[in-house]
Amino acid sequence: MTLATDPSIQQRSLSFEEFLDHYGKDNRFELIDGEVFDLEPTGQHEEVAAFITTKVCVQIDGAGLPWFTLQRGLFRPGNFGMTVFRPDVAVVDRAALEQEPLWSEQSILTQGLSIKFVAEVVSSNWQNDYARKVEDYAALGIAEYWIADYAGLGGIRHIGKPKQPTLSICTLADGEYKIQLFQGNQTIVSPTFPALNLTAEQILQAGR
């Protein structure tokens, strides 16, 4: 669903600055090519995102990595024009923040190399997660991208037939993502967090 509640901006694309003015403090919206999208954070959506965050934080702490997690932090790639992503979960490299021009003042990331891992929990705007973000996150050099489709909303070509809850793990190789699907009781494989011992079902049915 595209949403612009202010009548003065409903019929035109928004700039980065306009998006911040109207939606910057509301973490349920992001901007793609000037269009505002509602991330539609239902209860189950939030539980899946929180579960991923919790498990990832345990891995970071256990390995003593200089990383931390953000939930719905703003990510504005410098060369993407009128686009501001708001990933459901992002793992950030503290060492890279010195090169982030907007971080200290506005807590906004601009460079893909600052992000070690990103996860999106699928809502009705599933096309953005399976198409646009697969291309953009790969182009930005983000090494691992999860698409957590707990309701099996994605197209058949993305999650197979019959459609069912699916975790797609995208890993970067030669500038493109290789995508592996995990469903049911299959144990996931994460290059960034190899010690994770979880099934797809545990992640996708978090809280149930």
Protein backbone atom coordinates (compact mmCIF):
# COMPACT_ATOMS: atom_id res chain seq x y z
CA MET A 1 0.00 0.00 0.00
CA THR A 2 1.30 3.45 -0.93
CA LEU A 3 0.39 6.10 1.60
CA ALA A 4 0.64 9.89 1.66
CA THR A 5 -1.73 11.41 4.19
CA ASP A 6 -1.03 15.04 3.37
CA PRO A 7 -3.17 16.12 0.35
CA SER A 8 -0.45 18.51 -0.78
CA ILE A 9 1.94 15.62 -1.47
CA GLN A 10 -0.41 12.83 -2.58
CA GLN A 11 0.01 13.49 -6.32
CA ARG A 12 3.75 13.91 -6.55
CA SER A 13 7.01 12.25 -5.62
CA LEU A 14 8.67 13.16 -2.36
CA SER A 15 12.26 14.21 -1.95
CA PHE A 16 14.42 12.85 0.85
CA GLU A 17 13.96 16.07 2.83
CA GLU A 18 10.17 16.02 2.40
CA PHE A 19 10.02 12.41 3.52
CA LEU A 20 11.96 13.23 6.67
CA ASP A 21 9.66 16.18 7.40
CA HIS A 22 6.46 14.15 7.01
CA TYR A 23 7.43 10.60 7.96
CA GLY A 24 10.93 10.62 9.44
CA LYS A 25 9.74 10.09 13.02
CA ASP A 26 7.22 7.37 12.14
CA ASN A 27 9.03 4.07 11.71
CA ARG A 28 6.30 2.35 9.70
CA PHE A 29 7.08 4.19 6.44
CA GLU A 30 9.85 4.12 3.85
CA LEU A 31 10.44 5.91 0.55
CA ILE A 32 11.18 4.16 -2.77
CA ASP A 33 11.65 6.29 -5.88
CA GLY A 34 9.63 9.09 -4.29
CA GLU A 35 6.70 6.87 -3.25
CA VAL A 36 5.84 6.36 0.41
CA PHE A 37 5.19 2.77 1.46
CA ASP A 38 3.52 1.59 4.64
CA LEU A 39 5.52 -1.28 6.13
CA GLU A 40 2.31 -2.61 7.72
CA PRO A 41 3.84 -3.90 10.97
CA THR A 42 1.22 -6.39 12.20
CA GLY A 43 1.72 -8.20 15.48
CA GLN A 44 3.15 -11.33 13.84
CA HIS A 45 5.39 -9.16 11.66
CA GLU A 46 6.84 -7.54 14.79
CA GLU A 47 7.31 -10.86 16.58
CA VAL A 48 9.28 -12.32 13.68
CA ALA A 49 11.48 -9.19 13.45
CA ALA A 50 12.06 -9.22 17.22
CA PHE A 51 12.95 -12.93 17.18
CA ILE A 52 15.53 -12.40 14.45
CA THR A 53 16.96 -9.43 16.33
CA THR A 54 17.24 -11.39 19.57
CA LYS A 55 18.98 -14.37 17.98
CA VAL A 56 21.37 -12.18 16.01
CA CYS A 57 22.27 -10.16 19.11
CA VAL A 58 23.20 -13.36 20.95
CA GLN A 59 25.54 -14.30 18.09
CA ILE A 60 27.15 -10.85 18.02
CA ASP A 61 27.69 -10.84 21.78
CA GLY A 62 28.96 -14.41 21.88
CA ALA A 63 31.51 -13.78 19.14
CA GLY A 64 32.58 -10.41 20.57
CA LEU A 65 31.93 -8.66 17.28
CA PRO A 66 31.99 -4.82 17.07
CA TRP A 67 28.48 -4.79 15.61
CA PHE A 68 25.01 -3.81 16.82
CA THR A 69 21.44 -4.16 15.57
CA LEU A 70 18.95 -1.56 14.41
CA GLN A 71 15.23 -2.14 13.99
CA ARG A 72 13.74 0.09 11.29
CA GLY A 73 16.67 2.48 11.20
CA LEU A 74 16.81 4.80 8.18
CA PHE A 75 19.10 3.82 5.33
CA ARG A 76 19.51 6.35 2.54
CA PRO A 77 22.00 5.14 -0.08
CA GLY A 78 23.86 8.17 -1.39
CA ASN A 79 23.37 7.37 -5.08
CA PHE A 80 19.73 6.24 -4.96
CA GLY A 81 17.97 9.59 -5.26
CA MET A 82 14.50 9.69 -3.72
CA THR A 83 14.82 6.43 -1.79
CA VAL A 84 15.04 5.83 1.96
CA PHE A 85 14.92 2.20 3.08
CA ARG A 86 13.86 1.22 6.58
CA PRO A 87 14.98 -2.41 7.04
CA ASP A 88 13.14 -4.41 9.68
CA VAL A 89 16.49 -5.59 11.06
CA ALA A 90 19.98 -4.36 10.20
CA VAL A 91 23.33 -5.30 11.72
CA VAL A 92 25.69 -2.35 11.68
CA ASP A 93 29.49 -2.32 11.83
CA ARG A 94 30.55 0.26 14.43
CA ALA A 95 33.94 0.67 12.75
CA ALA A 96 32.25 1.94 9.58
CA LEU A 97 30.29 4.71 11.30
CA GLU A 98 33.23 7.12 11.08
CA GLN A 99 32.56 7.25 7.34
CA GLU A 100 28.83 7.90 7.75
CA PRO A 101 28.14 11.63 7.26
CA LEU A 102 24.58 11.63 8.67
CA TRP A 103 24.93 9.18 11.53
CA SER A 104 26.03 11.42 14.40
CA GLU A 105 23.38 14.08 13.77
CA GLN A 106 20.43 12.12 12.36
CA SER A 107 21.22 8.41 12.91
CA ILE A 108 20.84 7.79 9.16
CA LEU A 109 23.04 5.31 7.30
CA THR A 110 24.14 6.04 3.73
CA GLN A 111 26.59 3.26 2.81
CA GLY A 112 25.93 -0.41 2.22
CA LEU A 113 29.31 -1.36 3.63
CA SER A 114 28.17 -0.14 7.05
CA ILE A 115 25.61 -2.97 7.12
CA LYS A 116 26.79 -6.54 7.68
CA PHE A 117 23.35 -8.19 7.57
CA VAL A 118 19.80 -7.11 6.79
CA ALA A 119 16.40 -8.77 7.17
CA GLU A 120 12.98 -7.81 5.84
CA VAL A 121 9.77 -9.33 7.16
CA VAL A 122 7.32 -9.56 4.27
CA SER A 123 4.02 -7.67 4.25
CA SER A 124 1.57 -7.02 1.40
CA ASN A 125 4.27 -4.94 -0.35
CA TRP A 126 6.15 -8.18 -0.97
CA GLN A 127 7.31 -7.12 -4.45
CA ASN A 128 9.70 -4.59 -2.92
CA ASP A 129 11.33 -7.25 -0.71
CA TYR A 130 11.68 -9.89 -3.43
CA ALA A 131 12.61 -7.69 -6.38
CA ARG A 132 13.72 -4.13 -5.73
CA LYS A 133 15.60 -4.78 -2.50
CA VAL A 134 17.26 -7.94 -3.79
CA GLU A 135 18.81 -5.85 -6.56
CA ASP A 136 19.57 -2.78 -4.48
CA TYR A 137 20.99 -4.48 -1.40
CA ALA A 138 23.25 -6.58 -3.64
CA ALA A 139 24.40 -3.49 -5.55
CA LEU A 140 25.21 -1.84 -2.22
CA GLY A 141 27.42 -4.75 -1.19
CA ILE A 142 25.38 -6.04 1.77
CA ALA A 143 26.73 -9.55 2.28
CA GLU A 144 23.60 -11.27 3.60
CA TYR A 145 19.90 -10.47 3.20
CA TRP A 146 17.01 -12.42 4.71
CA ILE A 147 13.44 -12.30 3.40
CA ALA A 148 11.20 -13.67 6.15
CA ASP A 149 7.86 -14.46 4.51
CA TYR A 150 5.92 -15.83 7.50
CA ALA A 151 2.55 -15.76 5.67
CA GLY A 152 3.74 -17.12 2.30
CA LEU A 153 2.76 -13.94 0.48
CA GLY A 154 5.49 -13.91 -2.17
CA GLY A 155 4.98 -14.95 -5.76
CA ILE A 156 5.29 -18.59 -6.78
CA ARG A 157 8.52 -17.91 -8.64
CA HIS A 158 10.03 -16.67 -5.38
CA ILE A 159 8.80 -19.27 -2.86
CA GLY A 160 7.53 -22.17 -4.98
CA LYS A 161 4.21 -23.97 -5.24
CA PRO A 162 2.20 -24.57 -3.16
CA LYS A 163 3.01 -21.31 -1.44
CA GLN A 164 4.02 -21.64 2.19
CA PRO A 165 5.98 -19.70 4.82
CA THR A 166 9.52 -19.34 3.51
CA LEU A 167 12.80 -17.85 4.65
CA SER A 168 14.95 -16.78 1.70
CA ILE A 169 18.61 -16.28 2.56
CA CYS A 170 20.46 -14.21 -0.03
CA THR A 171 24.25 -14.30 0.04
CA LEU A 172 26.46 -12.07 -2.07
CA ALA A 173 28.71 -13.64 -4.71
CA ASP A 174 30.34 -11.66 -7.52
CA GLY A 175 28.03 -8.73 -6.97
CA GLU A 176 24.79 -10.76 -7.09
CA TYR A 177 22.75 -12.65 -4.56
CA LYS A 178 22.54 -16.41 -4.55
CA ILE A 179 19.23 -17.28 -2.94
CA GLN A 180 18.49 -20.38 -0.89
CA LEU A 181 14.97 -21.16 0.34
CA PHE A 182 14.26 -22.68 3.76
CA GLN A 183 10.86 -24.00 4.82
CA GLY A 184 9.36 -26.05 7.63
CA ASN A 185 11.87 -27.90 9.79
CA GLN A 186 14.84 -27.27 7.49
CA THR A 187 17.86 -25.96 9.41
CA ILE A 188 18.96 -22.59 8.06
CA VAL A 189 22.48 -21.77 6.89
CA SER A 190 23.78 -18.26 7.56
CA PRO A 191 27.28 -17.30 6.38
CA THR A 192 27.33 -14.24 8.65
CA PHE A 193 26.20 -16.18 11.73
CA PRO A 194 27.31 -19.79 11.15
CA ALA A 195 26.61 -20.81 14.76
CA LEU A 196 22.88 -20.14 14.44
CA ASN A 197 21.02 -23.39 15.07
CA LEU A 198 17.49 -22.61 13.96
CA THR A 199 14.89 -24.02 11.62
CA ALA A 200 12.90 -21.92 9.20
CA GLU A 201 9.75 -22.70 11.17
CA GLN A 202 11.23 -21.41 14.43
CA ILE A 203 11.92 -18.07 12.78
CA LEU A 204 8.76 -17.74 10.71
CA GLN A 205 6.39 -18.85 13.48
CA ALA A 206 8.01 -16.81 16.24
CA GLY A 207 5.56 -16.13 19.04
CA ARG A 208 3.14 -18.91 18.04
